[in-house]
Amino acid sequence: MHGNQQKGRNGEAIAVQLLKQRGYEVICLNWRHKHLEIDIIARDGDHLVFVEVKTRLSSNFGMPYEAVDWVKQGRLTRAAERYIQAHRHEGEIRFDVVSVLYSADRKSYRTELIKDAFWPD
């Protein structure tokens, strides 16, 4: 596994821990439909939550959550639509972002959970 892939997988594992600590029930990791992917699909109460995880080794180019731009939001929205169709989900949904920022020595990290990070148009 390449460095960026490993960094991403480590960030996702940290995000799963955070979500479980906050009471989320993790349903699926790395759900794919063709070229679309959702990092984590979970339940938070009666909401089906699509979670994007962004991990960075420094904040030199901004905070990790800032990388969830309108292009990424569009991809997540399309992926969520496919998941909802495939699983015939009816009910409330939400898009959350988990931001993971490692310290300079990479021995610790800071996480941030952003609920309702965005809404599709």
PDB file of N, CA and C in Angstrom:
ATOM      1  N   MET A   1       0.852  -1.172   0.000  1.00  0.00           N
ATOM      2  CA  MET A   1       0.000   0.000   0.000  1.00  0.00           C
ATOM      3  C   MET A   1       0.899   1.235   0.000  1.00  0.00           C
ATOM      4  N   HIS A   2       0.575   2.205  -0.829  1.00  0.00           N
ATOM      5  CA  HIS A   2       1.351   3.429  -0.921  1.00  0.00           C
ATOM      6  C   HIS A   2       1.135   4.312   0.298  1.00  0.00           C
ATOM      7  N   GLY A   3       2.024   5.290   0.480  1.00  0.00           N
ATOM      8  CA  GLY A   3       1.985   6.162   1.645  1.00  0.00           C
ATOM      9  C   GLY A   3       0.667   6.886   1.826  1.00  0.00           C
ATOM     10  N   ASN A   4       0.128   7.468   0.753  1.00  0.00           N
ATOM     11  CA  ASN A   4      -1.143   8.187   0.867  1.00  0.00           C
ATOM     12  C   ASN A   4      -2.293   7.253   1.185  1.00  0.00           C
ATOM     13  N   GLN A   5      -2.268   6.053   0.592  1.00  0.00           N
ATOM     14  CA  GLN A   5      -3.327   5.080   0.892  1.00  0.00           C
ATOM     15  C   GLN A   5      -3.264   4.669   2.355  1.00  0.00           C
ATOM     16  N   GLN A   6      -2.049   4.436   2.861  1.00  0.00           N
ATOM     17  CA  GLN A   6      -1.889   4.032   4.259  1.00  0.00           C
ATOM     18  C   GLN A   6      -2.332   5.155   5.185  1.00  0.00           C
ATOM     19  N   LYS A   7      -1.964   6.386   4.850  1.00  0.00           N
ATOM     20  CA  LYS A   7      -2.385   7.546   5.645  1.00  0.00           C
ATOM     21  C   LYS A   7      -3.912   7.619   5.689  1.00  0.00           C
ATOM     22  N   GLY A   8      -4.535   7.406   4.529  1.00  0.00           N
ATOM     23  CA  GLY A   8      -5.995   7.438   4.463  1.00  0.00           C
ATOM     24  C   GLY A   8      -6.632   6.337   5.285  1.00  0.00           C
ATOM     25  N   ARG A   9      -6.095   5.125   5.197  1.00  0.00           N
ATOM     26  CA  ARG A   9      -6.640   4.000   5.971  1.00  0.00           C
ATOM     27  C   ARG A   9      -6.469   4.248   7.473  1.00  0.00           C
ATOM     28  N   ASN A  10      -5.325   4.790   7.865  1.00  0.00           N
ATOM     29  CA  ASN A  10      -5.120   5.110   9.282  1.00  0.00           C
ATOM     30  C   ASN A  10      -6.130   6.156   9.744  1.00  0.00           C
ATOM     31  N   GLY A  11      -6.347   7.172   8.916  1.00  0.00           N
ATOM     32  CA  GLY A  11      -7.327   8.207   9.240  1.00  0.00           C
ATOM     33  C   GLY A  11      -8.726   7.640   9.367  1.00  0.00           C
ATOM     34  N   GLU A  12      -9.078   6.714   8.480  1.00  0.00           N
ATOM     35  CA  GLU A  12     -10.405   6.087   8.551  1.00  0.00           C
ATOM     36  C   GLU A  12     -10.560   5.273   9.818  1.00  0.00           C
ATOM     37  N   ALA A  13      -9.514   4.571  10.231  1.00  0.00           N
ATOM     38  CA  ALA A  13      -9.582   3.792  11.476  1.00  0.00           C
ATOM     39  C   ALA A  13      -9.785   4.721  12.676  1.00  0.00           C
ATOM     40  N   ILE A  14      -9.094   5.852  12.676  1.00  0.00           N
ATOM     41  CA  ILE A  14      -9.259   6.843  13.745  1.00  0.00           C
ATOM     42  C   ILE A  14     -10.687   7.389  13.716  1.00  0.00           C
ATOM     43  N   ALA A  15     -11.207   7.661  12.520  1.00  0.00           N
ATOM     44  CA  ALA A  15     -12.569   8.185  12.382  1.00  0.00           C
ATOM     45  C   ALA A  15     -13.599   7.191  12.895  1.00  0.00           C
ATOM     46  N   VAL A  16     -13.413   5.916  12.597  1.00  0.00           N
ATOM     47  CA  VAL A  16     -14.345   4.884  13.075  1.00  0.00           C
ATOM     48  C   VAL A  16     -14.377   4.894  14.600  1.00  0.00           C
ATOM     49  N   GLN A  17     -13.202   4.966  15.237  1.00  0.00           N
ATOM     50  CA  GLN A  17     -13.144   5.023  16.701  1.00  0.00           C
ATOM     51  C   GLN A  17     -13.924   6.223  17.224  1.00  0.00           C
ATOM     52  N   LEU A  18     -13.693   7.382  16.618  1.00  0.00           N
ATOM     53  CA  LEU A  18     -14.367   8.606  17.033  1.00  0.00           C
ATOM     54  C   LEU A  18     -15.882   8.471  16.899  1.00  0.00           C
ATOM     55  N   LEU A  19     -16.329   7.974  15.761  1.00  0.00           N
ATOM     56  CA  LEU A  19     -17.769   7.835  15.528  1.00  0.00           C
ATOM     57  C   LEU A  19     -18.399   6.880  16.534  1.00  0.00           C
ATOM     58  N   LYS A  20     -17.746   5.756  16.790  1.00  0.00           N
ATOM     59  CA  LYS A  20     -18.279   4.804  17.768  1.00  0.00           C
ATOM     60  C   LYS A  20     -18.342   5.426  19.160  1.00  0.00           C
ATOM     61  N   GLN A  21     -17.328   6.212  19.524  1.00  0.00           N
ATOM     62  CA  GLN A  21     -17.338   6.892  20.825  1.00  0.00           C
ATOM     63  C   GLN A  21     -18.496   7.879  20.923  1.00  0.00           C
ATOM     64  N   ARG A  22     -18.903   8.430  19.795  1.00  0.00           N
ATOM     65  CA  ARG A  22     -20.000   9.396  19.760  1.00  0.00           C
ATOM     66  C   ARG A  22     -21.363   8.726  19.585  1.00  0.00           C
ATOM     67  N   GLY A  23     -21.374   7.392  19.580  1.00  0.00           N
ATOM     68  CA  GLY A  23     -22.640   6.677  19.530  1.00  0.00           C
ATOM     69  C   GLY A  23     -23.124   6.277  18.152  1.00  0.00           C
ATOM     70  N   TYR A  24     -22.318   6.485  17.131  1.00  0.00           N
ATOM     71  CA  TYR A  24     -22.693   6.065  15.785  1.00  0.00           C
ATOM     72  C   TYR A  24     -22.573   4.546  15.668  1.00  0.00           C
ATOM     73  N   GLU A  25     -23.403   3.967  14.829  1.00  0.00           N
ATOM     74  CA  GLU A  25     -23.295   2.552  14.480  1.00  0.00           C
ATOM     75  C   GLU A  25     -22.734   2.491  13.063  1.00  0.00           C
ATOM     76  N   VAL A  26     -21.524   1.984  12.924  1.00  0.00           N
ATOM     77  CA  VAL A  26     -20.876   1.914  11.616  1.00  0.00           C
ATOM     78  C   VAL A  26     -21.462   0.740  10.840  1.00  0.00           C
ATOM     79  N   ILE A  27     -21.948   1.035   9.648  1.00  0.00           N
ATOM     80  CA  ILE A  27     -22.588   0.026   8.801  1.00  0.00           C
ATOM     81  C   ILE A  27     -21.630  -0.514   7.756  1.00  0.00           C
ATOM     82  N   CYS A  28     -20.844   0.381   7.155  1.00  0.00           N
ATOM     83  CA  CYS A  28     -20.026  -0.024   6.021  1.00  0.00           C
ATOM     84  C   CYS A  28     -18.811   0.896   5.895  1.00  0.00           C
ATOM     85  N   LEU A  29     -17.690   0.320   5.486  1.00  0.00           N
ATOM     86  CA  LEU A  29     -16.476   1.087   5.200  1.00  0.00           C
ATOM     87  C   LEU A  29     -16.156   0.979   3.720  1.00  0.00           C
ATOM     88  N   ASN A  30     -15.751   2.092   3.135  1.00  0.00           N
ATOM     89  CA  ASN A  30     -15.298   2.147   1.742  1.00  0.00           C
ATOM     90  C   ASN A  30     -16.291   1.533   0.762  1.00  0.00           C
ATOM     91  N   TRP A  31     -17.544   1.962   0.860  1.00  0.00           N
ATOM     92  CA  TRP A  31     -18.578   1.490  -0.064  1.00  0.00           C
ATOM     93  C   TRP A  31     -18.313   2.091  -1.431  1.00  0.00           C
ATOM     94  N   ARG A  32     -18.365   1.255  -2.464  1.00  0.00           N
ATOM     95  CA  ARG A  32     -18.052   1.699  -3.817  1.00  0.00           C
ATOM     96  C   ARG A  32     -19.184   1.388  -4.790  1.00  0.00           C
ATOM     97  N   HIS A  33     -19.326   2.300  -5.745  1.00  0.00           N
ATOM     98  CA  HIS A  33     -20.180   2.083  -6.911  1.00  0.00           C
ATOM     99  C   HIS A  33     -19.418   2.683  -8.090  1.00  0.00           C
ATOM    100  N   LYS A  34     -18.909   1.808  -8.940  1.00  0.00           N
ATOM    101  CA  LYS A  34     -18.082   2.229 -10.074  1.00  0.00           C
ATOM    102  C   LYS A  34     -16.947   3.112  -9.563  1.00  0.00           C
ATOM    103  N   HIS A  35     -16.877   4.354  -9.993  1.00  0.00           N
ATOM    104  CA  HIS A  35     -15.779   5.238  -9.588  1.00  0.00           C
ATOM    105  C   HIS A  35     -16.105   6.074  -8.347  1.00  0.00           C
ATOM    106  N   LEU A  36     -17.267   5.871  -7.759  1.00  0.00           N
ATOM    107  CA  LEU A  36     -17.687   6.634  -6.579  1.00  0.00           C
ATOM    108  C   LEU A  36     -17.397   5.840  -5.314  1.00  0.00           C
ATOM    109  N   GLU A  37     -17.045   6.540  -4.240  1.00  0.00           N
ATOM    110  CA  GLU A  37     -16.763   5.864  -2.971  1.00  0.00           C
ATOM    111  C   GLU A  37     -17.231   6.720  -1.802  1.00  0.00           C
ATOM    112  N   ILE A  38     -17.727   6.034  -0.790  1.00  0.00           N
ATOM    113  CA  ILE A  38     -18.071   6.673   0.478  1.00  0.00           C
ATOM    114  C   ILE A  38     -17.188   6.026   1.538  1.00  0.00           C
ATOM    115  N   ASP A  39     -16.457   6.843   2.288  1.00  0.00           N
ATOM    116  CA  ASP A  39     -15.517   6.306   3.276  1.00  0.00           C
ATOM    117  C   ASP A  39     -16.223   5.500   4.357  1.00  0.00           C
ATOM    118  N   ILE A  40     -17.241   6.092   4.971  1.00  0.00           N
ATOM    119  CA  ILE A  40     -17.947   5.421   6.063  1.00  0.00           C
ATOM    120  C   ILE A  40     -19.441   5.704   5.920  1.00  0.00           C
ATOM    121  N   ILE A  41     -20.235   4.664   6.080  1.00  0.00           N
ATOM    122  CA  ILE A  41     -21.682   4.818   6.167  1.00  0.00           C
ATOM    123  C   ILE A  41     -22.074   4.346   7.561  1.00  0.00           C
ATOM    124  N   ALA A  42     -22.845   5.178   8.252  1.00  0.00           N
ATOM    125  CA  ALA A  42     -23.172   4.874   9.647  1.00  0.00           C
ATOM    126  C   ALA A  42     -24.589   5.329   9.961  1.00  0.00           C
ATOM    127  N   ARG A  43     -25.054   4.925  11.126  1.00  0.00           N
ATOM    128  CA  ARG A  43     -26.329   5.411  11.655  1.00  0.00           C
ATOM    129  C   ARG A  43     -26.022   6.231  12.898  1.00  0.00           C
ATOM    130  N   ASP A  44     -26.706   7.361  12.991  1.00  0.00           N
ATOM    131  CA  ASP A  44     -26.651   8.205  14.179  1.00  0.00           C
ATOM    132  C   ASP A  44     -28.097   8.480  14.549  1.00  0.00           C
ATOM    133  N   GLY A  45     -28.603   7.716  15.493  1.00  0.00           N
ATOM    134  CA  GLY A  45     -30.024   7.802  15.815  1.00  0.00           C
ATOM    135  C   GLY A  45     -30.826   7.339  14.619  1.00  0.00           C
ATOM    136  N   ASP A  46     -31.751   8.178  14.149  1.00  0.00           N
ATOM    137  CA  ASP A  46     -32.577   7.782  13.008  1.00  0.00           C
ATOM    138  C   ASP A  46     -32.026   8.307  11.678  1.00  0.00           C
ATOM    139  N   HIS A  47     -30.812   8.846  11.688  1.00  0.00           N
ATOM    140  CA  HIS A  47     -30.189   9.355  10.466  1.00  0.00           C
ATOM    141  C   HIS A  47     -29.217   8.333   9.867  1.00  0.00           C
ATOM    142  N   LEU A  48     -29.293   8.172   8.558  1.00  0.00           N
ATOM    143  CA  LEU A  48     -28.265   7.456   7.815  1.00  0.00           C
ATOM    144  C   LEU A  48     -27.222   8.509   7.464  1.00  0.00           C
ATOM    145  N   VAL A  49     -25.966   8.267   7.853  1.00  0.00           N
ATOM    146  CA  VAL A  49     -24.933   9.287   7.717  1.00  0.00           C
ATOM    147  C   VAL A  49     -23.841   8.803   6.764  1.00  0.00           C
ATOM    148  N   PHE A  50     -23.532   9.659   5.795  1.00  0.00           N
ATOM    149  CA  PHE A  50     -22.448   9.410   4.854  1.00  0.00           C
ATOM    150  C   PHE A  50     -21.280  10.260   5.321  1.00  0.00           C
ATOM    151  N   VAL A  51     -20.173   9.602   5.649  1.00  0.00           N
ATOM    152  CA  VAL A  51     -19.050  10.287   6.283  1.00  0.00           C
ATOM    153  C   VAL A  51     -17.839  10.297   5.353  1.00  0.00           C
ATOM    154  N   GLU A  52     -17.323  11.480   5.111  1.00  0.00           N
ATOM    155  CA  GLU A  52     -16.076  11.652   4.375  1.00  0.00           C
ATOM    156  C   GLU A  52     -14.977  11.878   5.399  1.00  0.00           C
ATOM    157  N   VAL A  53     -13.859  11.158   5.242  1.00  0.00           N
ATOM    158  CA  VAL A  53     -12.722  11.295   6.147  1.00  0.00           C
ATOM    159  C   VAL A  53     -11.582  11.946   5.378  1.00  0.00           C
ATOM    160  N   LYS A  54     -11.034  13.007   5.934  1.00  0.00           N
ATOM    161  CA  LYS A  54      -9.882  13.663   5.335  1.00  0.00           C
ATOM    162  C   LYS A  54      -8.756  13.672   6.353  1.00  0.00           C
ATOM    163  N   THR A  55      -7.590  13.217   5.919  1.00  0.00           N
ATOM    164  CA  THR A  55      -6.433  13.098   6.794  1.00  0.00           C
ATOM    165  C   THR A  55      -5.263  13.869   6.187  1.00  0.00           C
ATOM    166  N   ARG A  56      -4.590  14.623   7.030  1.00  0.00           N
ATOM    167  CA  ARG A  56      -3.398  15.351   6.579  1.00  0.00           C
ATOM    168  C   ARG A  56      -2.305  15.210   7.625  1.00  0.00           C
ATOM    169  N   LEU A  57      -1.071  15.311   7.118  1.00  0.00           N
ATOM    170  CA  LEU A  57       0.095  15.231   7.994  1.00  0.00           C
ATOM    171  C   LEU A  57       0.529  16.610   8.498  1.00  0.00           C
ATOM    172  N   SER A  58      -0.007  17.664   7.880  1.00  0.00           N
ATOM    173  CA  SER A  58       0.259  19.024   8.360  1.00  0.00           C
ATOM    174  C   SER A  58      -0.876  19.918   7.877  1.00  0.00           C
ATOM    175  N   SER A  59      -0.898  21.122   8.424  1.00  0.00           N
ATOM    176  CA  SER A  59      -1.915  22.086   8.006  1.00  0.00           C
ATOM    177  C   SER A  59      -1.335  23.118   7.039  1.00  0.00           C
ATOM    178  N   ASN A  60      -0.185  22.821   6.453  1.00  0.00           N
ATOM    179  CA  ASN A  60       0.461  23.758   5.523  1.00  0.00           C
ATOM    180  C   ASN A  60      -0.450  24.160   4.373  1.00  0.00           C
ATOM    181  N   PHE A  61      -1.296  23.252   3.934  1.00  0.00           N
ATOM    182  CA  PHE A  61      -2.202  23.538   2.821  1.00  0.00           C
ATOM    183  C   PHE A  61      -3.652  23.631   3.295  1.00  0.00           C
ATOM    184  N   GLY A  62      -3.834  23.954   4.556  1.00  0.00           N
ATOM    185  CA  GLY A  62      -5.166  24.087   5.122  1.00  0.00           C
ATOM    186  C   GLY A  62      -5.538  22.878   5.976  1.00  0.00           C
ATOM    187  N   MET A  63      -6.655  22.998   6.635  1.00  0.00           N
ATOM    188  CA  MET A  63      -7.144  21.919   7.479  1.00  0.00           C
ATOM    189  C   MET A  63      -7.715  20.809   6.597  1.00  0.00           C
ATOM    190  N   PRO A  64      -7.684  19.580   7.082  1.00  0.00           N
ATOM    191  CA  PRO A  64      -8.168  18.473   6.247  1.00  0.00           C
ATOM    192  C   PRO A  64      -9.590  18.665   5.733  1.00  0.00           C
ATOM    193  N   TYR A  65     -10.494  19.127   6.584  1.00  0.00           N
ATOM    194  CA  TYR A  65     -11.894  19.274   6.166  1.00  0.00           C
ATOM    195  C   TYR A  65     -12.061  20.265   5.020  1.00  0.00           C
ATOM    196  N   GLU A  66     -11.107  21.183   4.859  1.00  0.00           N
ATOM    197  CA  GLU A  66     -11.202  22.164   3.776  1.00  0.00           C
ATOM    198  C   GLU A  66     -11.053  21.522   2.394  1.00  0.00           C
ATOM    199  N   ALA A  67     -10.569  20.290   2.344  1.00  0.00           N
ATOM    200  CA  ALA A  67     -10.416  19.583   1.076  1.00  0.00           C
ATOM    201  C   ALA A  67     -11.738  19.012   0.570  1.00  0.00           C
ATOM    202  N   VAL A  68     -12.779  19.090   1.380  1.00  0.00           N
ATOM    203  CA  VAL A  68     -14.098  18.611   0.947  1.00  0.00           C
ATOM    204  C   VAL A  68     -14.789  19.773   0.233  1.00  0.00           C
ATOM    205  N   ASP A  69     -14.324  20.024  -0.981  1.00  0.00           N
ATOM    206  CA  ASP A  69     -14.835  21.142  -1.769  1.00  0.00           C
ATOM    207  C   ASP A  69     -16.101  20.734  -2.514  1.00  0.00           C
ATOM    208  N   TRP A  70     -16.625  21.623  -3.341  1.00  0.00           N
ATOM    209  CA  TRP A  70     -17.885  21.366  -4.041  1.00  0.00           C
ATOM    210  C   TRP A  70     -17.778  20.185  -4.993  1.00  0.00           C
ATOM    211  N   VAL A  71     -16.584  19.940  -5.548  1.00  0.00           N
ATOM    212  CA  VAL A  71     -16.412  18.783  -6.438  1.00  0.00           C
ATOM    213  C   VAL A  71     -16.552  17.494  -5.633  1.00  0.00           C
ATOM    214  N   LYS A  72     -15.867  17.420  -4.497  1.00  0.00           N
ATOM    215  CA  LYS A  72     -15.943  16.238  -3.637  1.00  0.00           C
ATOM    216  C   LYS A  72     -17.362  16.071  -3.094  1.00  0.00           C
ATOM    217  N   GLN A  73     -18.001  17.159  -2.741  1.00  0.00           N
ATOM    218  CA  GLN A  73     -19.378  17.092  -2.250  1.00  0.00           C
ATOM    219  C   GLN A  73     -20.299  16.512  -3.318  1.00  0.00           C
ATOM    220  N   GLY A  74     -20.089  16.891  -4.571  1.00  0.00           N
ATOM    221  CA  GLY A  74     -20.890  16.354  -5.668  1.00  0.00           C
ATOM    222  C   GLY A  74     -20.701  14.860  -5.830  1.00  0.00           C
ATOM    223  N   ARG A  75     -19.459  14.399  -5.737  1.00  0.00           N
ATOM    224  CA  ARG A  75     -19.187  12.952  -5.831  1.00  0.00           C
ATOM    225  C   ARG A  75     -19.840  12.190  -4.682  1.00  0.00           C
ATOM    226  N   LEU A  76     -19.732  12.744  -3.484  1.00  0.00           N
ATOM    227  CA  LEU A  76     -20.353  12.096  -2.318  1.00  0.00           C
ATOM    228  C   LEU A  76     -21.864  12.046  -2.457  1.00  0.00           C
ATOM    229  N   THR A  77     -22.436  13.112  -2.970  1.00  0.00           N
ATOM    230  CA  THR A  77     -23.880  13.154  -3.168  1.00  0.00           C
ATOM    231  C   THR A  77     -24.321  12.089  -4.162  1.00  0.00           C
ATOM    232  N   ARG A  78     -23.600  11.977  -5.273  1.00  0.00           N
ATOM    233  CA  ARG A  78     -23.948  10.954  -6.281  1.00  0.00           C
ATOM    234  C   ARG A  78     -23.779   9.548  -5.707  1.00  0.00           C
ATOM    235  N   ALA A  79     -22.720   9.338  -4.945  1.00  0.00           N
ATOM    236  CA  ALA A  79     -22.511   8.030  -4.328  1.00  0.00           C
ATOM    237  C   ALA A  79     -23.634   7.717  -3.341  1.00  0.00           C
ATOM    238  N   ALA A  80     -24.020   8.699  -2.540  1.00  0.00           N
ATOM    239  CA  ALA A  80     -25.103   8.505  -1.572  1.00  0.00           C
ATOM    240  C   ALA A  80     -26.407   8.174  -2.280  1.00  0.00           C
ATOM    241  N   GLU A  81     -26.669   8.856  -3.383  1.00  0.00           N
ATOM    242  CA  GLU A  81     -27.881   8.553  -4.155  1.00  0.00           C
ATOM    243  C   GLU A  81     -27.875   7.100  -4.621  1.00  0.00           C
ATOM    244  N   ARG A  82     -26.742   6.608  -5.080  1.00  0.00           N
ATOM    245  CA  ARG A  82     -26.636   5.208  -5.526  1.00  0.00           C
ATOM    246  C   ARG A  82     -26.855   4.247  -4.358  1.00  0.00           C
ATOM    247  N   TYR A  83     -26.270   4.569  -3.209  1.00  0.00           N
ATOM    248  CA  TYR A  83     -26.444   3.714  -2.027  1.00  0.00           C
ATOM    249  C   TYR A  83     -27.916   3.673  -1.623  1.00  0.00           C
ATOM    250  N   ILE A  84     -28.549   4.826  -1.578  1.00  0.00           N
ATOM    251  CA  ILE A  84     -29.960   4.918  -1.189  1.00  0.00           C
ATOM    252  C   ILE A  84     -30.829   4.095  -2.139  1.00  0.00           C
ATOM    253  N   GLN A  85     -30.565   4.191  -3.436  1.00  0.00           N
ATOM    254  CA  GLN A  85     -31.302   3.400  -4.422  1.00  0.00           C
ATOM    255  C   GLN A  85     -31.068   1.910  -4.204  1.00  0.00           C
ATOM    256  N   ALA A  86     -29.819   1.527  -4.074  1.00  0.00           N
ATOM    257  CA  ALA A  86     -29.471   0.111  -3.956  1.00  0.00           C
ATOM    258  C   ALA A  86     -30.060  -0.533  -2.708  1.00  0.00           C
ATOM    259  N   HIS A  87     -30.157   0.248  -1.631  1.00  0.00           N
ATOM    260  CA  HIS A  87     -30.642  -0.295  -0.357  1.00  0.00           C
ATOM    261  C   HIS A  87     -32.067   0.137  -0.035  1.00  0.00           C
ATOM    262  N   ARG A  88     -32.677   0.839  -0.975  1.00  0.00           N
ATOM    263  CA  ARG A  88     -34.072   1.297  -0.823  1.00  0.00           C
ATOM    264  C   ARG A  88     -34.302   2.010   0.506  1.00  0.00           C
ATOM    265  N   HIS A  89     -33.348   2.850   0.843  1.00  0.00           N
ATOM    266  CA  HIS A  89     -33.447   3.600   2.102  1.00  0.00           C
ATOM    267  C   HIS A  89     -34.497   4.697   1.985  1.00  0.00           C
ATOM    268  N   GLU A  90     -35.332   4.781   2.981  1.00  0.00           N
ATOM    269  CA  GLU A  90     -36.284   5.875   3.106  1.00  0.00           C
ATOM    270  C   GLU A  90     -36.104   6.452   4.495  1.00  0.00           C
ATOM    271  N   GLY A  91     -35.828   7.698   4.572  1.00  0.00           N
ATOM    272  CA  GLY A  91     -35.628   8.317   5.874  1.00  0.00           C
ATOM    273  C   GLY A  91     -34.605   9.428   5.782  1.00  0.00           C
ATOM    274  N   GLU A  92     -34.264   9.937   6.938  1.00  0.00           N
ATOM    275  CA  GLU A  92     -33.358  11.072   7.028  1.00  0.00           C
ATOM    276  C   GLU A  92     -31.927  10.654   6.702  1.00  0.00           C
ATOM    277  N   ILE A  93     -31.210  11.544   6.019  1.00  0.00           N
ATOM    278  CA  ILE A  93     -29.786  11.333   5.749  1.00  0.00           C
ATOM    279  C   ILE A  93     -29.026  12.577   6.159  1.00  0.00           C
ATOM    280  N   ARG A  94     -27.708  12.420   6.242  1.00  0.00           N
ATOM    281  CA  ARG A  94     -26.857  13.546   6.608  1.00  0.00           C
ATOM    282  C   ARG A  94     -25.464  13.282   6.051  1.00  0.00           C
ATOM    283  N   PHE A  95     -24.734  14.345   5.780  1.00  0.00           N
ATOM    284  CA  PHE A  95     -23.343  14.243   5.348  1.00  0.00           C
ATOM    285  C   PHE A  95     -22.459  14.851   6.433  1.00  0.00           C
ATOM    286  N   ASP A  96     -21.589  14.030   7.006  1.00  0.00           N
ATOM    287  CA  ASP A  96     -20.639  14.488   8.017  1.00  0.00           C
ATOM    288  C   ASP A  96     -19.225  14.377   7.464  1.00  0.00           C
ATOM    289  N   VAL A  97     -18.315  15.125   8.058  1.00  0.00           N
ATOM    290  CA  VAL A  97     -16.898  15.057   7.706  1.00  0.00           C
ATOM    291  C   VAL A  97     -16.109  14.837   8.985  1.00  0.00           C
ATOM    292  N   VAL A  98     -15.147  13.908   8.919  1.00  0.00           N
ATOM    293  CA  VAL A  98     -14.198  13.736  10.018  1.00  0.00           C
ATOM    294  C   VAL A  98     -12.843  14.197   9.500  1.00  0.00           C
ATOM    295  N   SER A  99     -12.264  15.139  10.214  1.00  0.00           N
ATOM    296  CA  SER A  99     -10.973  15.720   9.874  1.00  0.00           C
ATOM    297  C   SER A  99      -9.935  15.156  10.840  1.00  0.00           C
ATOM    298  N   VAL A 100      -8.848  14.600  10.283  1.00  0.00           N
ATOM    299  CA  VAL A 100      -7.776  14.033  11.104  1.00  0.00           C
ATOM    300  C   VAL A 100      -6.486  14.762  10.735  1.00  0.00           C
ATOM    301  N   LEU A 101      -5.875  15.417  11.722  1.00  0.00           N
ATOM    302  CA  LEU A 101      -4.630  16.145  11.500  1.00  0.00           C
ATOM    303  C   LEU A 101      -3.572  15.600  12.448  1.00  0.00           C
ATOM    304  N   TYR A 102      -2.523  15.037  11.868  1.00  0.00           N
ATOM    305  CA  TYR A 102      -1.423  14.505  12.674  1.00  0.00           C
ATOM    306  C   TYR A 102      -0.549  15.647  13.186  1.00  0.00           C
ATOM    307  N   SER A 103       0.079  15.424  14.338  1.00  0.00           N
ATOM    308  CA  SER A 103       1.032  16.396  14.870  1.00  0.00           C
ATOM    309  C   SER A 103       2.318  16.321  14.051  1.00  0.00           C
ATOM    310  N   ALA A 104       3.192  17.284  14.251  1.00  0.00           N
ATOM    311  CA  ALA A 104       4.444  17.343  13.490  1.00  0.00           C
ATOM    312  C   ALA A 104       5.274  16.069  13.655  1.00  0.00           C
ATOM    313  N   ASP A 105       5.261  15.479  14.846  1.00  0.00           N
ATOM    314  CA  ASP A 105       6.045  14.255  15.080  1.00  0.00           C
ATOM    315  C   ASP A 105       5.280  12.986  14.699  1.00  0.00           C
ATOM    316  N   ARG A 106       4.032  13.150  14.263  1.00  0.00           N
ATOM    317  CA  ARG A 106       3.154  12.058  13.815  1.00  0.00           C
ATOM    318  C   ARG A 106       2.882  11.015  14.907  1.00  0.00           C
ATOM    319  N   LYS A 107       3.072  11.413  16.153  1.00  0.00           N
ATOM    320  CA  LYS A 107       2.795  10.491  17.254  1.00  0.00           C
ATOM    321  C   LYS A 107       1.443  10.747  17.896  1.00  0.00           C
ATOM    322  N   SER A 108       0.825  11.838  17.504  1.00  0.00           N
ATOM    323  CA  SER A 108      -0.511  12.150  18.011  1.00  0.00           C
ATOM    324  C   SER A 108      -1.292  12.807  16.883  1.00  0.00           C
ATOM    325  N   TYR A 109      -2.562  12.981  17.118  1.00  0.00           N
ATOM    326  CA  TYR A 109      -3.408  13.564  16.088  1.00  0.00           C
ATOM    327  C   TYR A 109      -4.567  14.310  16.742  1.00  0.00           C
ATOM    328  N   ARG A 110      -5.175  15.177  15.939  1.00  0.00           N
ATOM    329  CA  ARG A 110      -6.350  15.929  16.382  1.00  0.00           C
ATOM    330  C   ARG A 110      -7.486  15.603  15.428  1.00  0.00           C
ATOM    331  N   THR A 111      -8.639  15.288  15.989  1.00  0.00           N
ATOM    332  CA  THR A 111      -9.798  14.976  15.150  1.00  0.00           C
ATOM    333  C   THR A 111     -10.879  16.019  15.354  1.00  0.00           C
ATOM    334  N   GLU A 112     -11.673  16.170  14.320  1.00  0.00           N
ATOM    335  CA  GLU A 112     -12.825  17.057  14.402  1.00  0.00           C
ATOM    336  C   GLU A 112     -13.958  16.409  13.619  1.00  0.00           C
ATOM    337  N   LEU A 113     -15.118  16.290  14.249  1.00  0.00           N
ATOM    338  CA  LEU A 113     -16.315  15.768  13.602  1.00  0.00           C
ATOM    339  C   LEU A 113     -17.207  16.944  13.252  1.00  0.00           C
ATOM    340  N   ILE A 114     -17.513  17.071  11.971  1.00  0.00           N
ATOM    341  CA  ILE A 114     -18.392  18.146  11.516  1.00  0.00           C
ATOM    342  C   ILE A 114     -19.685  17.514  11.057  1.00  0.00           C
ATOM    343  N   LYS A 115     -20.714  17.654  11.890  1.00  0.00           N
ATOM    344  CA  LYS A 115     -22.043  17.128  11.534  1.00  0.00           C
ATOM    345  C   LYS A 115     -22.708  18.097  10.568  1.00  0.00           C
ATOM    346  N   ASP A 116     -23.512  17.525   9.655  1.00  0.00           N
ATOM    347  CA  ASP A 116     -24.197  18.359   8.660  1.00  0.00           C
ATOM    348  C   ASP A 116     -23.219  19.268   7.946  1.00  0.00           C
ATOM    349  N   ALA A 117     -22.104  18.688   7.507  1.00  0.00           N
ATOM    350  CA  ALA A 117     -21.019  19.470   6.889  1.00  0.00           C
ATOM    351  C   ALA A 117     -21.473  20.189   5.635  1.00  0.00           C
ATOM    352  N   PHE A 118     -22.392  19.572   4.905  1.00  0.00           N
ATOM    353  CA  PHE A 118     -22.942  20.199   3.708  1.00  0.00           C
ATOM    354  C   PHE A 118     -24.243  19.524   3.356  1.00  0.00           C
ATOM    355  N   TRP A 119     -25.000  20.198   2.503  1.00  0.00           N
ATOM    356  CA  TRP A 119     -26.237  19.626   1.956  1.00  0.00           C
ATOM    357  C   TRP A 119     -26.176  19.729   0.451  1.00  0.00           C
ATOM    358  N   PRO A 120     -26.560  18.666  -0.234  1.00  0.00           N
ATOM    359  CA  PRO A 120     -26.546  18.733  -1.699  1.00  0.00           C
ATOM    360  C   PRO A 120     -27.569  19.739  -2.202  1.00  0.00           C
ATOM    361  N   ASP A 121     -27.305  20.258  -3.395  1.00  0.00           N
ATOM    362  CA  ASP A 121     -28.246  21.216  -4.000  1.00  0.00           C
ATOM    363  C   ASP A 121     -29.563  20.580  -4.300  1.00  0.00           C
TER     364      ASP A 121
END
